[in-house]
PDB file of N, CA and C in Angstrom:
ATOM      1  N   MET A   1       2.036   2.777   3.125  1.00  0.00           N
ATOM      2  CA  MET A   1       3.296   2.488   3.802  1.00  0.00           C
ATOM      3  C   MET A   1       3.376   0.974   4.051  1.00  0.00           C
ATOM      4  N   ASP A   2       4.507   0.352   3.752  1.00  0.00           N
ATOM      5  CA  ASP A   2       4.622  -1.087   3.950  1.00  0.00           C
ATOM      6  C   ASP A   2       5.080  -1.418   5.367  1.00  0.00           C
ATOM      7  N   LYS A   3       5.052  -2.704   5.701  1.00  0.00           N
ATOM      8  CA  LYS A   3       5.377  -3.145   7.057  1.00  0.00           C
ATOM      9  C   LYS A   3       6.785  -2.737   7.484  1.00  0.00           C
ATOM     10  N   LYS A   4       7.730  -2.863   6.590  1.00  0.00           N
ATOM     11  CA  LYS A   4       9.110  -2.528   6.940  1.00  0.00           C
ATOM     12  C   LYS A   4       9.228  -1.048   7.291  1.00  0.00           C
ATOM     13  N   ASP A   5       8.563  -0.186   6.538  1.00  0.00           N
ATOM     14  CA  ASP A   5       8.589   1.249   6.835  1.00  0.00           C
ATOM     15  C   ASP A   5       7.993   1.528   8.213  1.00  0.00           C
ATOM     16  N   LEU A   6       6.899   0.841   8.543  1.00  0.00           N
ATOM     17  CA  LEU A   6       6.275   1.011   9.861  1.00  0.00           C
ATOM     18  C   LEU A   6       7.211   0.536  10.969  1.00  0.00           C
ATOM     19  N   LEU A   7       7.815  -0.625  10.780  1.00  0.00           N
ATOM     20  CA  LEU A   7       8.700  -1.182  11.795  1.00  0.00           C
ATOM     21  C   LEU A   7       9.919  -0.306  12.049  1.00  0.00           C
ATOM     22  N   GLN A   8      10.481   0.275  10.996  1.00  0.00           N
ATOM     23  CA  GLN A   8      11.676   1.112  11.135  1.00  0.00           C
ATOM     24  C   GLN A   8      11.439   2.309  12.047  1.00  0.00           C
ATOM     25  N   LYS A   9      10.205   2.753  12.157  1.00  0.00           N
ATOM     26  CA  LYS A   9       9.882   3.928  12.969  1.00  0.00           C
ATOM     27  C   LYS A   9       9.681   3.609  14.448  1.00  0.00           C
ATOM     28  N   LEU A  10       9.684   2.326  14.806  1.00  0.00           N
ATOM     29  CA  LEU A  10       9.428   1.928  16.187  1.00  0.00           C
ATOM     30  C   LEU A  10      10.731   1.690  16.942  1.00  0.00           C
ATOM     31  N   PRO A  11      10.847   2.265  18.149  1.00  0.00           N
ATOM     32  CA  PRO A  11      12.084   2.148  18.932  1.00  0.00           C
ATOM     33  C   PRO A  11      12.539   0.711  19.184  1.00  0.00           C
ATOM     34  N   VAL A  12      11.616  -0.215  19.339  1.00  0.00           N
ATOM     35  CA  VAL A  12      11.980  -1.591  19.645  1.00  0.00           C
ATOM     36  C   VAL A  12      12.792  -2.238  18.519  1.00  0.00           C
ATOM     37  N   PHE A  13      12.689  -1.720  17.302  1.00  0.00           N
ATOM     38  CA  PHE A  13      13.397  -2.293  16.162  1.00  0.00           C
ATOM     39  C   PHE A  13      14.554  -1.434  15.655  1.00  0.00           C
ATOM     40  N   GLU A  14      14.885  -0.356  16.320  1.00  0.00           N
ATOM     41  CA  GLU A  14      15.875   0.585  15.801  1.00  0.00           C
ATOM     42  C   GLU A  14      17.288   0.021  15.673  1.00  0.00           C
ATOM     43  N   SER A  15      17.617  -1.012  16.425  1.00  0.00           N
ATOM     44  CA  SER A  15      18.980  -1.553  16.341  1.00  0.00           C
ATOM     45  C   SER A  15      19.113  -2.727  15.367  1.00  0.00           C
ATOM     46  N   LEU A  16      18.024  -3.086  14.676  1.00  0.00           N
ATOM     47  CA  LEU A  16      18.091  -4.200  13.731  1.00  0.00           C
ATOM     48  C   LEU A  16      18.792  -3.812  12.434  1.00  0.00           C
ATOM     49  N   THR A  17      19.464  -4.790  11.839  1.00  0.00           N
ATOM     50  CA  THR A  17      20.058  -4.587  10.524  1.00  0.00           C
ATOM     51  C   THR A  17      18.945  -4.637   9.481  1.00  0.00           C
ATOM     52  N   GLU A  18      19.252  -4.263   8.255  1.00  0.00           N
ATOM     53  CA  GLU A  18      18.259  -4.321   7.169  1.00  0.00           C
ATOM     54  C   GLU A  18      17.748  -5.748   6.974  1.00  0.00           C
ATOM     55  N   LYS A  19      18.660  -6.704   7.014  1.00  0.00           N
ATOM     56  CA  LYS A  19      18.283  -8.113   6.837  1.00  0.00           C
ATOM     57  C   LYS A  19      17.350  -8.560   7.965  1.00  0.00           C
ATOM     58  N   GLU A  20      17.691  -8.217   9.194  1.00  0.00           N
ATOM     59  CA  GLU A  20      16.848  -8.583  10.335  1.00  0.00           C
ATOM     60  C   GLU A  20      15.482  -7.923  10.242  1.00  0.00           C
ATOM     61  N   LEU A  21      15.463  -6.672   9.835  1.00  0.00           N
ATOM     62  CA  LEU A  21      14.203  -5.955   9.675  1.00  0.00           C
ATOM     63  C   LEU A  21      13.338  -6.593   8.588  1.00  0.00           C
ATOM     64  N   ASP A  22      13.971  -7.013   7.504  1.00  0.00           N
ATOM     65  CA  ASP A  22      13.244  -7.728   6.444  1.00  0.00           C
ATOM     66  C   ASP A  22      12.616  -9.019   6.988  1.00  0.00           C
ATOM     67  N   GLU A  23      13.363  -9.746   7.817  1.00  0.00           N
ATOM     68  CA  GLU A  23      12.860 -10.995   8.382  1.00  0.00           C
ATOM     69  C   GLU A  23      11.687 -10.753   9.327  1.00  0.00           C
ATOM     70  N   VAL A  24      11.769  -9.720  10.147  1.00  0.00           N
ATOM     71  CA  VAL A  24      10.672  -9.394  11.056  1.00  0.00           C
ATOM     72  C   VAL A  24       9.442  -8.967  10.257  1.00  0.00           C
ATOM     73  N   ALA A  25       9.640  -8.131   9.259  1.00  0.00           N
ATOM     74  CA  ALA A  25       8.525  -7.662   8.425  1.00  0.00           C
ATOM     75  C   ALA A  25       7.824  -8.829   7.741  1.00  0.00           C
ATOM     76  N   GLU A  26       8.597  -9.841   7.391  1.00  0.00           N
ATOM     77  CA  GLU A  26       8.048 -11.021   6.706  1.00  0.00           C
ATOM     78  C   GLU A  26       7.026 -11.773   7.573  1.00  0.00           C
ATOM     79  N   ILE A  27       7.247 -11.792   8.886  1.00  0.00           N
ATOM     80  CA  ILE A  27       6.352 -12.553   9.765  1.00  0.00           C
ATOM     81  C   ILE A  27       5.302 -11.677  10.471  1.00  0.00           C
ATOM     82  N   CYS A  28       5.343 -10.387  10.227  1.00  0.00           N
ATOM     83  CA  CYS A  28       4.399  -9.467  10.871  1.00  0.00           C
ATOM     84  C   CYS A  28       3.123  -9.299  10.058  1.00  0.00           C
ATOM     85  N   GLY A  29       2.063  -9.039  10.772  1.00  0.00           N
ATOM     86  CA  GLY A  29       0.807  -8.670  10.143  1.00  0.00           C
ATOM     87  C   GLY A  29       0.426  -7.286  10.620  1.00  0.00           C
ATOM     88  N   ILE A  30      -0.475  -6.655   9.919  1.00  0.00           N
ATOM     89  CA  ILE A  30      -0.975  -5.346  10.320  1.00  0.00           C
ATOM     90  C   ILE A  30      -2.457  -5.502  10.628  1.00  0.00           C
ATOM     91  N   ARG A  31      -2.841  -4.973  11.757  1.00  0.00           N
ATOM     92  CA  ARG A  31      -4.239  -5.071  12.181  1.00  0.00           C
ATOM     93  C   ARG A  31      -4.719  -3.693  12.621  1.00  0.00           C
ATOM     94  N   ASN A  32      -5.760  -3.209  11.999  1.00  0.00           N
ATOM     95  CA  ASN A  32      -6.380  -1.954  12.413  1.00  0.00           C
ATOM     96  C   ASN A  32      -7.434  -2.264  13.459  1.00  0.00           C
ATOM     97  N   VAL A  33      -7.410  -1.505  14.543  1.00  0.00           N
ATOM     98  CA  VAL A  33      -8.338  -1.713  15.648  1.00  0.00           C
ATOM     99  C   VAL A  33      -9.143  -0.436  15.849  1.00  0.00           C
ATOM    100  N   GLU A  34     -10.441  -0.590  15.943  1.00  0.00           N
ATOM    101  CA  GLU A  34     -11.327   0.546  16.184  1.00  0.00           C
ATOM    102  C   GLU A  34     -11.351   0.894  17.673  1.00  0.00           C
ATOM    103  N   ALA A  35     -11.768   2.114  17.993  1.00  0.00           N
ATOM    104  CA  ALA A  35     -11.924   2.529  19.387  1.00  0.00           C
ATOM    105  C   ALA A  35     -12.880   1.563  20.086  1.00  0.00           C
ATOM    106  N   ASP A  36     -12.561   1.187  21.306  1.00  0.00           N
ATOM    107  CA  ASP A  36     -13.367   0.274  22.130  1.00  0.00           C
ATOM    108  C   ASP A  36     -13.464  -1.145  21.565  1.00  0.00           C
ATOM    109  N   GLU A  37     -12.567  -1.510  20.665  1.00  0.00           N
ATOM    110  CA  GLU A  37     -12.525  -2.882  20.151  1.00  0.00           C
ATOM    111  C   GLU A  37     -11.585  -3.715  21.024  1.00  0.00           C
ATOM    112  N   LEU A  38     -12.026  -4.885  21.423  1.00  0.00           N
ATOM    113  CA  LEU A  38     -11.208  -5.784  22.225  1.00  0.00           C
ATOM    114  C   LEU A  38     -10.128  -6.412  21.346  1.00  0.00           C
ATOM    115  N   VAL A  39      -8.876  -6.263  21.740  1.00  0.00           N
ATOM    116  CA  VAL A  39      -7.759  -6.861  20.996  1.00  0.00           C
ATOM    117  C   VAL A  39      -7.575  -8.311  21.445  1.00  0.00           C
ATOM    118  N   PHE A  40      -7.547  -8.520  22.761  1.00  0.00           N
ATOM    119  CA  PHE A  40      -7.568  -9.867  23.315  1.00  0.00           C
ATOM    120  C   PHE A  40      -8.141  -9.806  24.724  1.00  0.00           C
ATOM    121  N   GLU A  41      -8.621 -10.967  25.174  1.00  0.00           N
ATOM    122  CA  GLU A  41      -9.297 -11.052  26.460  1.00  0.00           C
ATOM    123  C   GLU A  41      -8.444 -11.812  27.468  1.00  0.00           C
ATOM    124  N   GLU A  42      -8.519 -11.383  28.705  1.00  0.00           N
ATOM    125  CA  GLU A  42      -7.851 -12.056  29.807  1.00  0.00           C
ATOM    126  C   GLU A  42      -8.194 -13.552  29.778  1.00  0.00           C
ATOM    127  N   ASN A  43      -7.208 -14.392  30.023  1.00  0.00           N
ATOM    128  CA  ASN A  43      -7.309 -15.853  30.057  1.00  0.00           C
ATOM    129  C   ASN A  43      -7.389 -16.517  28.685  1.00  0.00           C
ATOM    130  N   ALA A  44      -7.327 -15.742  27.608  1.00  0.00           N
ATOM    131  CA  ALA A  44      -7.240 -16.334  26.269  1.00  0.00           C
ATOM    132  C   ALA A  44      -5.801 -16.816  26.056  1.00  0.00           C
ATOM    133  N   HIS A  45      -5.630 -17.833  25.248  1.00  0.00           N
ATOM    134  CA  HIS A  45      -4.284 -18.323  24.943  1.00  0.00           C
ATOM    135  C   HIS A  45      -3.548 -17.271  24.111  1.00  0.00           C
ATOM    136  N   GLY A  46      -2.322 -16.954  24.472  1.00  0.00           N
ATOM    137  CA  GLY A  46      -1.557 -15.915  23.781  1.00  0.00           C
ATOM    138  C   GLY A  46      -0.652 -16.465  22.709  1.00  0.00           C
ATOM    139  N   VAL A  47      -0.915 -16.101  21.465  1.00  0.00           N
ATOM    140  CA  VAL A  47      -0.073 -16.560  20.363  1.00  0.00           C
ATOM    141  C   VAL A  47       0.471 -15.408  19.527  1.00  0.00           C
ATOM    142  N   GLU A  48       0.101 -14.168  19.877  1.00  0.00           N
ATOM    143  CA  GLU A  48       0.576 -13.001  19.133  1.00  0.00           C
ATOM    144  C   GLU A  48       1.036 -11.929  20.120  1.00  0.00           C
ATOM    145  N   LEU A  49       2.014 -11.155  19.708  1.00  0.00           N
ATOM    146  CA  LEU A  49       2.349  -9.943  20.440  1.00  0.00           C
ATOM    147  C   LEU A  49       2.035  -8.771  19.527  1.00  0.00           C
ATOM    148  N   PHE A  50       1.853  -7.604  20.110  1.00  0.00           N
ATOM    149  CA  PHE A  50       1.396  -6.448  19.363  1.00  0.00           C
ATOM    150  C   PHE A  50       2.296  -5.247  19.623  1.00  0.00           C
ATOM    151  N   ILE A  51       2.417  -4.405  18.607  1.00  0.00           N
ATOM    152  CA  ILE A  51       3.135  -3.134  18.716  1.00  0.00           C
ATOM    153  C   ILE A  51       2.204  -2.051  18.198  1.00  0.00           C
ATOM    154  N   ILE A  52       2.075  -1.000  18.970  1.00  0.00           N
ATOM    155  CA  ILE A  52       1.174   0.085  18.584  1.00  0.00           C
ATOM    156  C   ILE A  52       1.893   1.007  17.604  1.00  0.00           C
ATOM    157  N   VAL A  53       1.363   1.121  16.408  1.00  0.00           N
ATOM    158  CA  VAL A  53       1.928   2.019  15.409  1.00  0.00           C
ATOM    159  C   VAL A  53       1.371   3.414  15.631  1.00  0.00           C
ATOM    160  N   LYS A  54       0.065   3.506  15.851  1.00  0.00           N
ATOM    161  CA  LYS A  54      -0.561   4.803  16.077  1.00  0.00           C
ATOM    162  C   LYS A  54      -1.784   4.612  16.959  1.00  0.00           C
ATOM    163  N   GLY A  55      -1.882   5.394  18.002  1.00  0.00           N
ATOM    164  CA  GLY A  55      -3.032   5.321  18.887  1.00  0.00           C
ATOM    165  C   GLY A  55      -2.639   4.868  20.274  1.00  0.00           C
ATOM    166  N   CYS A  56      -3.593   4.280  20.985  1.00  0.00           N
ATOM    167  CA  CYS A  56      -3.309   3.797  22.336  1.00  0.00           C
ATOM    168  C   CYS A  56      -4.141   2.558  22.637  1.00  0.00           C
ATOM    169  N   ILE A  57      -3.660   1.777  23.577  1.00  0.00           N
ATOM    170  CA  ILE A  57      -4.306   0.546  24.012  1.00  0.00           C
ATOM    171  C   ILE A  57      -4.358   0.560  25.535  1.00  0.00           C
ATOM    172  N   ARG A  58      -5.521   0.210  26.062  1.00  0.00           N
ATOM    173  CA  ARG A  58      -5.700   0.135  27.515  1.00  0.00           C
ATOM    174  C   ARG A  58      -5.580  -1.334  27.918  1.00  0.00           C
ATOM    175  N   ILE A  59      -4.691  -1.609  28.876  1.00  0.00           N
ATOM    176  CA  ILE A  59      -4.512  -2.948  29.419  1.00  0.00           C
ATOM    177  C   ILE A  59      -5.199  -2.960  30.783  1.00  0.00           C
ATOM    178  N   TYR A  60      -6.087  -3.944  30.984  1.00  0.00           N
ATOM    179  CA  TYR A  60      -6.852  -3.981  32.231  1.00  0.00           C
ATOM    180  C   TYR A  60      -7.146  -5.418  32.634  1.00  0.00           C
ATOM    181  N   THR A  61      -7.511  -5.590  33.890  1.00  0.00           N
ATOM    182  CA  THR A  61      -7.881  -6.900  34.404  1.00  0.00           C
ATOM    183  C   THR A  61      -9.253  -6.812  35.050  1.00  0.00           C
ATOM    184  N   GLN A  62      -9.955  -7.922  35.054  1.00  0.00           N
ATOM    185  CA  GLN A  62     -11.294  -7.953  35.635  1.00  0.00           C
ATOM    186  C   GLN A  62     -11.186  -8.338  37.109  1.00  0.00           C
ATOM    187  N   ILE A  63     -11.726  -7.475  37.980  1.00  0.00           N
ATOM    188  CA  ILE A  63     -11.693  -7.723  39.422  1.00  0.00           C
ATOM    189  C   ILE A  63     -12.927  -8.529  39.840  1.00  0.00           C
ATOM    190  N   THR A  64     -14.085  -8.028  39.435  1.00  0.00           N
ATOM    191  CA  THR A  64     -15.344  -8.740  39.639  1.00  0.00           C
ATOM    192  C   THR A  64     -16.106  -8.666  38.326  1.00  0.00           C
ATOM    193  N   GLU A  65     -17.295  -9.201  38.299  1.00  0.00           N
ATOM    194  CA  GLU A  65     -18.061  -9.241  37.052  1.00  0.00           C
ATOM    195  C   GLU A  65     -18.213  -7.875  36.395  1.00  0.00           C
ATOM    196  N   ASN A  66     -18.425  -6.847  37.183  1.00  0.00           N
ATOM    197  CA  ASN A  66     -18.653  -5.500  36.625  1.00  0.00           C
ATOM    198  C   ASN A  66     -17.558  -4.497  36.942  1.00  0.00           C
ATOM    199  N   VAL A  67     -16.454  -4.957  37.519  1.00  0.00           N
ATOM    200  CA  VAL A  67     -15.376  -4.044  37.910  1.00  0.00           C
ATOM    201  C   VAL A  67     -14.077  -4.435  37.210  1.00  0.00           C
ATOM    202  N   HIS A  68     -13.483  -3.456  36.513  1.00  0.00           N
ATOM    203  CA  HIS A  68     -12.194  -3.655  35.848  1.00  0.00           C
ATOM    204  C   HIS A  68     -11.167  -2.720  36.473  1.00  0.00           C
ATOM    205  N   LYS A  69      -9.934  -3.166  36.532  1.00  0.00           N
ATOM    206  CA  LYS A  69      -8.840  -2.328  37.022  1.00  0.00           C
ATOM    207  C   LYS A  69      -7.913  -2.026  35.852  1.00  0.00           C
ATOM    208  N   ASN A  70      -7.762  -0.741  35.541  1.00  0.00           N
ATOM    209  CA  ASN A  70      -6.828  -0.332  34.494  1.00  0.00           C
ATOM    210  C   ASN A  70      -5.410  -0.501  35.006  1.00  0.00           C
ATOM    211  N   LEU A  71      -4.593  -1.192  34.228  1.00  0.00           N
ATOM    212  CA  LEU A  71      -3.203  -1.418  34.609  1.00  0.00           C
ATOM    213  C   LEU A  71      -2.281  -0.393  33.968  1.00  0.00           C
ATOM    214  N   ILE A  72      -2.493  -0.134  32.681  1.00  0.00           N
ATOM    215  CA  ILE A  72      -1.646   0.825  31.957  1.00  0.00           C
ATOM    216  C   ILE A  72      -2.308   1.183  30.634  1.00  0.00           C
ATOM    217  N   THR A  73      -1.998   2.357  30.147  1.00  0.00           N
ATOM    218  CA  THR A  73      -2.384   2.746  28.789  1.00  0.00           C
ATOM    219  C   THR A  73      -1.096   2.926  27.999  1.00  0.00           C
ATOM    220  N   LEU A  74      -0.975   2.189  26.917  1.00  0.00           N
ATOM    221  CA  LEU A  74       0.224   2.243  26.073  1.00  0.00           C
ATOM    222  C   LEU A  74      -0.056   3.072  24.829  1.00  0.00           C
ATOM    223  N   ARG A  75       0.940   3.757  24.336  1.00  0.00           N
ATOM    224  CA  ARG A  75       0.794   4.627  23.171  1.00  0.00           C
ATOM    225  C   ARG A  75       1.766   4.213  22.066  1.00  0.00           C
ATOM    226  N   ASP A  76       1.861   5.031  21.031  1.00  0.00           N
ATOM    227  CA  ASP A  76       2.703   4.749  19.861  1.00  0.00           C
ATOM    228  C   ASP A  76       4.040   4.118  20.250  1.00  0.00           C
ATOM    229  N   GLY A  77       4.368   3.000  19.621  1.00  0.00           N
ATOM    230  CA  GLY A  77       5.621   2.308  19.886  1.00  0.00           C
ATOM    231  C   GLY A  77       5.535   1.307  21.020  1.00  0.00           C
ATOM    232  N   GLY A  78       4.411   1.299  21.747  1.00  0.00           N
ATOM    233  CA  GLY A  78       4.250   0.383  22.874  1.00  0.00           C
ATOM    234  C   GLY A  78       4.119  -1.054  22.420  1.00  0.00           C
ATOM    235  N   LEU A  79       4.673  -1.946  23.194  1.00  0.00           N
ATOM    236  CA  LEU A  79       4.655  -3.379  22.917  1.00  0.00           C
ATOM    237  C   LEU A  79       3.805  -4.039  23.990  1.00  0.00           C
ATOM    238  N   PHE A  80       2.905  -4.943  23.601  1.00  0.00           N
ATOM    239  CA  PHE A  80       2.089  -5.638  24.588  1.00  0.00           C
ATOM    240  C   PHE A  80       1.708  -7.025  24.099  1.00  0.00           C
ATOM    241  N   GLY A  81       1.335  -7.877  25.040  1.00  0.00           N
ATOM    242  CA  GLY A  81       0.953  -9.245  24.709  1.00  0.00           C
ATOM    243  C   GLY A  81       2.110 -10.217  24.649  1.00  0.00           C
ATOM    244  N   GLU A  82       3.309  -9.736  24.898  1.00  0.00           N
ATOM    245  CA  GLU A  82       4.491 -10.578  24.735  1.00  0.00           C
ATOM    246  C   GLU A  82       4.644 -11.620  25.845  1.00  0.00           C
ATOM    247  N   LEU A  83       4.161 -11.331  27.045  1.00  0.00           N
ATOM    248  CA  LEU A  83       4.371 -12.269  28.157  1.00  0.00           C
ATOM    249  C   LEU A  83       3.728 -13.624  27.898  1.00  0.00           C
ATOM    250  N   ALA A  84       2.492 -13.636  27.430  1.00  0.00           N
ATOM    251  CA  ALA A  84       1.813 -14.903  27.143  1.00  0.00           C
ATOM    252  C   ALA A  84       2.488 -15.648  25.995  1.00  0.00           C
ATOM    253  N   VAL A  85       3.027 -14.903  25.027  1.00  0.00           N
ATOM    254  CA  VAL A  85       3.699 -15.538  23.886  1.00  0.00           C
ATOM    255  C   VAL A  85       5.005 -16.191  24.341  1.00  0.00           C
ATOM    256  N   ILE A  86       5.789 -15.462  25.105  1.00  0.00           N
ATOM    257  CA  ILE A  86       7.079 -15.984  25.572  1.00  0.00           C
ATOM    258  C   ILE A  86       6.875 -17.186  26.498  1.00  0.00           C
ATOM    259  N   ALA A  87       5.904 -17.078  27.402  1.00  0.00           N
ATOM    260  CA  ALA A  87       5.642 -18.148  28.372  1.00  0.00           C
ATOM    261  C   ALA A  87       4.777 -19.265  27.789  1.00  0.00           C
ATOM    262  N   GLU A  88       4.285 -19.063  26.550  1.00  0.00           N
ATOM    263  CA  GLU A  88       3.350 -20.023  25.937  1.00  0.00           C
ATOM    264  C   GLU A  88       2.218 -20.318  26.907  1.00  0.00           C
ATOM    265  N   ASP A  89       1.579 -19.231  27.363  1.00  0.00           N
ATOM    266  CA  ASP A  89       0.585 -19.310  28.420  1.00  0.00           C
ATOM    267  C   ASP A  89      -0.654 -18.493  28.050  1.00  0.00           C
ATOM    268  N   TYR A  90      -1.476 -18.235  29.033  1.00  0.00           N
ATOM    269  CA  TYR A  90      -2.715 -17.477  28.824  1.00  0.00           C
ATOM    270  C   TYR A  90      -2.500 -16.002  29.155  1.00  0.00           C
ATOM    271  N   ARG A  91      -3.352 -15.149  28.586  1.00  0.00           N
ATOM    272  CA  ARG A  91      -3.280 -13.705  28.825  1.00  0.00           C
ATOM    273  C   ARG A  91      -3.589 -13.402  30.284  1.00  0.00           C
ATOM    274  N   SER A  92      -2.763 -12.564  30.899  1.00  0.00           N
ATOM    275  CA  SER A  92      -2.974 -12.178  32.292  1.00  0.00           C
ATOM    276  C   SER A  92      -3.867 -10.947  32.420  1.00  0.00           C
ATOM    277  N   ALA A  93      -4.200 -10.333  31.293  1.00  0.00           N
ATOM    278  CA  ALA A  93      -5.045  -9.143  31.282  1.00  0.00           C
ATOM    279  C   ALA A  93      -5.704  -9.030  29.914  1.00  0.00           C
ATOM    280  N   SER A  94      -6.637  -8.104  29.808  1.00  0.00           N
ATOM    281  CA  SER A  94      -7.304  -7.819  28.528  1.00  0.00           C
ATOM    282  C   SER A  94      -6.709  -6.567  27.917  1.00  0.00           C
ATOM    283  N   ALA A  95      -6.862  -6.418  26.614  1.00  0.00           N
ATOM    284  CA  ALA A  95      -6.368  -5.236  25.905  1.00  0.00           C
ATOM    285  C   ALA A  95      -7.477  -4.689  25.022  1.00  0.00           C
ATOM    286  N   MET A  96      -7.694  -3.369  25.106  1.00  0.00           N
ATOM    287  CA  MET A  96      -8.719  -2.698  24.304  1.00  0.00           C
ATOM    288  C   MET A  96      -8.174  -1.366  23.824  1.00  0.00           C
TER     289      MET A  96
END
């Protein structure tokens, strides 16, 4: 399945025209993530946003050295990482 086919199935892109969808697909990459793999770490510089095609991602923050607080678990179609990209800032939480 190509990127455009994947994007068409996600609610965030459902109102795009074919031309707009082609443009988004052109700049998108596909990344497979294994279970318990860190996608990004809190305080890292944010330059990418992510959309979950299949599976789930846990967003959490570190409270102390050994304590993490789960903020949310996102599933298929979920969008994350956009705040740091829009603000051109650092990640406020980690994603796994």
